[in-house]
Amino acid sequence: MKGDIVMSKEKLDELIAATKLGELISKKEDEDKKCCKKCSTIIIAVLAIVGAVAAVAGIAYAVYRYFTPDYLDDFEDEDIEK
């Protein structure tokens, strides 16, 4: 029986324990990735809403400035010289 690998019960238990530990670590990493993805989605949504509000405010201000009359045109230089 050349080349046969004989494992003791202790070695087999260590291998099983290491495998279980590896599975637990990979599950933890998957949960962390899901959490980070969820957080980044929330941040992107909040920034999109803030950007939309800022755009609407900018447009409203531009329309206000366009339709507001310029009162400085009402003054004439002749009134000041008298």
N, C-alpha and C. Protein backbone atom coordinates (compact mmCIF):
# COMPACT_ATOMS: atom_id res chain seq x y z
N MET A 1 0.81 -1.18 0.00
CA MET A 1 0.00 0.00 0.00
C MET A 1 0.86 1.25 0.00
N LYS A 2 1.66 1.31 -0.98
CA LYS A 2 2.50 2.47 -1.13
C LYS A 2 1.68 3.64 -1.62
N GLY A 3 1.91 4.82 -1.05
CA GLY A 3 1.22 6.02 -1.51
C GLY A 3 -0.12 6.26 -0.83
N ASP A 4 -0.59 5.32 -0.04
CA ASP A 4 -1.84 5.54 0.67
C ASP A 4 -1.60 6.52 1.81
N ILE A 5 -2.53 7.42 1.97
CA ILE A 5 -2.42 8.40 3.05
C ILE A 5 -3.32 7.94 4.19
N VAL A 6 -2.71 7.81 5.33
CA VAL A 6 -3.45 7.39 6.50
C VAL A 6 -3.58 8.60 7.41
N MET A 7 -4.81 8.96 7.75
CA MET A 7 -5.06 10.10 8.62
C MET A 7 -5.57 9.59 9.95
N SER A 8 -5.06 10.22 10.95
CA SER A 8 -5.56 9.86 12.27
C SER A 8 -6.86 10.63 12.51
N LYS A 9 -7.59 10.21 13.53
CA LYS A 9 -8.86 10.85 13.85
C LYS A 9 -8.65 12.30 14.25
N GLU A 10 -7.56 12.58 14.94
CA GLU A 10 -7.29 13.95 15.37
C GLU A 10 -7.04 14.86 14.17
N LYS A 11 -6.26 14.37 13.20
CA LYS A 11 -5.98 15.16 12.01
C LYS A 11 -7.27 15.42 11.23
N LEU A 12 -8.13 14.42 11.16
CA LEU A 12 -9.39 14.56 10.45
C LEU A 12 -10.29 15.59 11.16
N ASP A 13 -10.31 15.56 12.49
CA ASP A 13 -11.09 16.54 13.26
C ASP A 13 -10.55 17.96 13.05
N GLU A 14 -9.23 18.10 12.99
CA GLU A 14 -8.63 19.41 12.74
C GLU A 14 -9.01 19.93 11.36
N LEU A 15 -9.01 19.05 10.37
CA LEU A 15 -9.38 19.42 9.01
C LEU A 15 -10.84 19.87 8.94
N ILE A 16 -11.71 19.15 9.61
CA ILE A 16 -13.14 19.52 9.63
C ILE A 16 -13.33 20.85 10.35
N ALA A 17 -12.63 21.06 11.46
CA ALA A 17 -12.74 22.31 12.20
C ALA A 17 -12.25 23.49 11.35
N ALA A 18 -11.15 23.29 10.65
CA ALA A 18 -10.62 24.35 9.79
C ALA A 18 -11.60 24.68 8.66
N THR A 19 -12.22 23.66 8.11
CA THR A 19 -13.20 23.87 7.05
C THR A 19 -14.41 24.65 7.57
N LYS A 20 -14.90 24.29 8.74
CA LYS A 20 -16.03 25.01 9.34
C LYS A 20 -15.66 26.46 9.63
N LEU A 21 -14.44 26.67 10.12
CA LEU A 21 -13.98 28.02 10.41
C LEU A 21 -13.90 28.85 9.12
N GLY A 22 -13.41 28.25 8.08
CA GLY A 22 -13.35 28.93 6.78
C GLY A 22 -14.73 29.31 6.27
N GLU A 23 -15.69 28.42 6.44
CA GLU A 23 -17.07 28.71 6.02
C GLU A 23 -17.65 29.86 6.83
N LEU A 24 -17.41 29.88 8.14
CA LEU A 24 -17.91 30.96 8.98
C LEU A 24 -17.31 32.31 8.59
N ILE A 25 -16.02 32.31 8.30
CA ILE A 25 -15.35 33.56 7.90
C ILE A 25 -15.91 34.06 6.58
N SER A 26 -16.11 33.15 5.63
CA SER A 26 -16.63 33.58 4.33
C SER A 26 -18.07 34.09 4.45
N LYS A 27 -18.87 33.49 5.34
CA LYS A 27 -20.23 33.99 5.57
C LYS A 27 -20.19 35.39 6.16
N LYS A 28 -19.28 35.63 7.09
CA LYS A 28 -19.14 36.94 7.72
C LYS A 28 -18.74 37.97 6.67
N GLU A 29 -17.82 37.64 5.78
CA GLU A 29 -17.40 38.56 4.72
C GLU A 29 -18.56 38.86 3.78
N ASP A 30 -19.37 37.86 3.46
CA ASP A 30 -20.52 38.08 2.59
C ASP A 30 -21.52 39.02 3.24
N GLU A 31 -21.76 38.87 4.55
CA GLU A 31 -22.67 39.75 5.26
C GLU A 31 -22.15 41.17 5.29
N ASP A 32 -20.83 41.33 5.46
CA ASP A 32 -20.22 42.66 5.46
C ASP A 32 -20.37 43.33 4.10
N LYS A 33 -20.20 42.57 3.03
CA LYS A 33 -20.35 43.13 1.69
C LYS A 33 -21.79 43.58 1.45
N LYS A 34 -22.76 42.80 1.93
CA LYS A 34 -24.16 43.17 1.77
C LYS A 34 -24.47 44.45 2.53
N CYS A 35 -23.92 44.56 3.73
CA CYS A 35 -24.13 45.76 4.55
C CYS A 35 -23.53 46.98 3.86
N CYS A 36 -22.32 46.85 3.34
CA CYS A 36 -21.67 47.98 2.67
C CYS A 36 -22.43 48.37 1.42
N LYS A 37 -22.95 47.40 0.70
CA LYS A 37 -23.71 47.70 -0.51
C LYS A 37 -25.00 48.43 -0.15
N LYS A 38 -25.64 48.01 0.93
CA LYS A 38 -26.87 48.65 1.37
C LYS A 38 -26.59 50.09 1.80
N CYS A 39 -25.50 50.30 2.54
CA CYS A 39 -25.14 51.65 2.99
C CYS A 39 -24.82 52.55 1.81
N SER A 40 -24.09 52.04 0.84
CA SER A 40 -23.73 52.87 -0.31
C SER A 40 -24.97 53.21 -1.14
N THR A 41 -25.93 52.31 -1.21
CA THR A 41 -27.17 52.60 -1.93
C THR A 41 -27.94 53.72 -1.24
N ILE A 42 -27.98 53.70 0.08
CA ILE A 42 -28.67 54.75 0.83
C ILE A 42 -27.97 56.09 0.64
N ILE A 43 -26.65 56.09 0.69
CA ILE A 43 -25.90 57.34 0.51
C ILE A 43 -26.13 57.91 -0.88
N ILE A 44 -26.12 57.07 -1.89
CA ILE A 44 -26.35 57.54 -3.26
C ILE A 44 -27.75 58.12 -3.40
N ALA A 45 -28.74 57.49 -2.79
CA ALA A 45 -30.11 57.99 -2.86
C ALA A 45 -30.22 59.36 -2.18
N VAL A 46 -29.60 59.52 -1.02
CA VAL A 46 -29.65 60.80 -0.31
C VAL A 46 -28.96 61.89 -1.12
N LEU A 47 -27.81 61.59 -1.70
CA LEU A 47 -27.11 62.58 -2.51
C LEU A 47 -27.90 62.94 -3.77
N ALA A 48 -28.60 61.98 -4.35
CA ALA A 48 -29.42 62.26 -5.52
C ALA A 48 -30.56 63.20 -5.16
N ILE A 49 -31.18 62.99 -4.01
CA ILE A 49 -32.28 63.86 -3.57
C ILE A 49 -31.76 65.27 -3.30
N VAL A 50 -30.62 65.38 -2.63
CA VAL A 50 -30.04 66.70 -2.34
C VAL A 50 -29.69 67.41 -3.64
N GLY A 51 -29.15 66.70 -4.62
CA GLY A 51 -28.82 67.28 -5.91
C GLY A 51 -30.06 67.77 -6.65
N ALA A 52 -31.13 66.99 -6.59
CA ALA A 52 -32.37 67.39 -7.26
C ALA A 52 -32.95 68.65 -6.62
N VAL A 53 -32.93 68.72 -5.30
CA VAL A 53 -33.44 69.90 -4.59
C VAL A 53 -32.60 71.12 -4.94
N ALA A 54 -31.29 70.96 -5.00
CA ALA A 54 -30.40 72.08 -5.34
C ALA A 54 -30.64 72.55 -6.78
N ALA A 55 -30.89 71.63 -7.68
CA ALA A 55 -31.17 72.00 -9.07
C ALA A 55 -32.47 72.78 -9.18
N VAL A 56 -33.50 72.33 -8.49
CA VAL A 56 -34.78 73.03 -8.51
C VAL A 56 -34.63 74.41 -7.89
N ALA A 57 -33.89 74.52 -6.80
CA ALA A 57 -33.67 75.82 -6.16
C ALA A 57 -32.91 76.76 -7.10
N GLY A 58 -31.93 76.27 -7.80
CA GLY A 58 -31.17 77.08 -8.75
C GLY A 58 -32.03 77.57 -9.90
N ILE A 59 -32.87 76.71 -10.42
CA ILE A 59 -33.78 77.11 -11.50
C ILE A 59 -34.77 78.15 -11.00
N ALA A 60 -35.31 77.95 -9.81
CA ALA A 60 -36.27 78.90 -9.25
C ALA A 60 -35.61 80.27 -9.05
N TYR A 61 -34.38 80.30 -8.59
CA TYR A 61 -33.67 81.56 -8.39
C TYR A 61 -33.41 82.26 -9.74
N ALA A 62 -33.04 81.47 -10.75
CA ALA A 62 -32.79 82.05 -12.08
C ALA A 62 -34.08 82.65 -12.65
N VAL A 63 -35.20 81.98 -12.49
CA VAL A 63 -36.48 82.50 -12.98
C VAL A 63 -36.85 83.76 -12.20
N TYR A 64 -36.65 83.77 -10.90
CA TYR A 64 -36.92 84.94 -10.08
C TYR A 64 -36.10 86.13 -10.54
N ARG A 65 -34.81 85.92 -10.77
CA ARG A 65 -33.94 87.03 -11.21
C ARG A 65 -34.33 87.52 -12.59
N TYR A 66 -34.82 86.64 -13.44
CA TYR A 66 -35.20 87.03 -14.79
C TYR A 66 -36.47 87.89 -14.78
N PHE A 67 -37.43 87.52 -13.96
CA PHE A 67 -38.70 88.25 -13.96
C PHE A 67 -38.75 89.42 -12.99
N THR A 68 -37.79 89.57 -12.12
CA THR A 68 -37.78 90.69 -11.18
C THR A 68 -37.34 91.95 -11.93
N PRO A 69 -38.14 93.04 -11.83
CA PRO A 69 -37.75 94.26 -12.55
C PRO A 69 -36.51 94.90 -11.93
N ASP A 70 -35.76 95.58 -12.76
CA ASP A 70 -34.56 96.26 -12.31
C ASP A 70 -34.94 97.70 -11.97
N TYR A 71 -34.98 98.01 -10.70
CA TYR A 71 -35.44 99.32 -10.26
C TYR A 71 -34.39 100.42 -10.49
N LEU A 72 -33.17 100.06 -10.75
CA LEU A 72 -32.14 101.06 -10.97
C LEU A 72 -32.33 101.78 -12.31
N ASP A 73 -33.06 101.18 -13.24
CA ASP A 73 -33.33 101.82 -14.53
C ASP A 73 -34.32 102.97 -14.39
N ASP A 74 -35.08 103.03 -13.31
CA ASP A 74 -36.07 104.08 -13.11
C ASP A 74 -35.42 105.43 -12.80
N PHE A 75 -34.24 105.44 -12.28
CA PHE A 75 -33.56 106.69 -11.94
C PHE A 75 -32.87 107.25 -13.17
N GLU A 76 -33.01 108.57 -13.32
CA GLU A 76 -32.34 109.23 -14.44
C GLU A 76 -31.27 110.15 -13.88
N ASP A 77 -30.29 110.40 -14.67
CA ASP A 77 -29.19 111.26 -14.24
C ASP A 77 -29.67 112.71 -14.05
N GLU A 78 -30.68 113.16 -14.76
CA GLU A 78 -31.16 114.54 -14.65
C GLU A 78 -31.75 114.81 -13.29
N ASP A 79 -32.39 113.81 -12.68
CA ASP A 79 -32.99 114.03 -11.35
C ASP A 79 -31.91 114.25 -10.30
N ILE A 80 -30.80 113.65 -10.45
CA ILE A 80 -29.72 113.74 -9.46
C ILE A 80 -29.04 115.10 -9.56
N GLU A 81 -28.89 115.69 -10.74
CA GLU A 81 -28.17 116.93 -10.96
C GLU A 81 -28.94 118.16 -10.47
N LYS A 82 -30.22 118.11 -10.31
CA LYS A 82 -31.01 119.27 -9.90
C LYS A 82 -30.77 119.69 -8.52
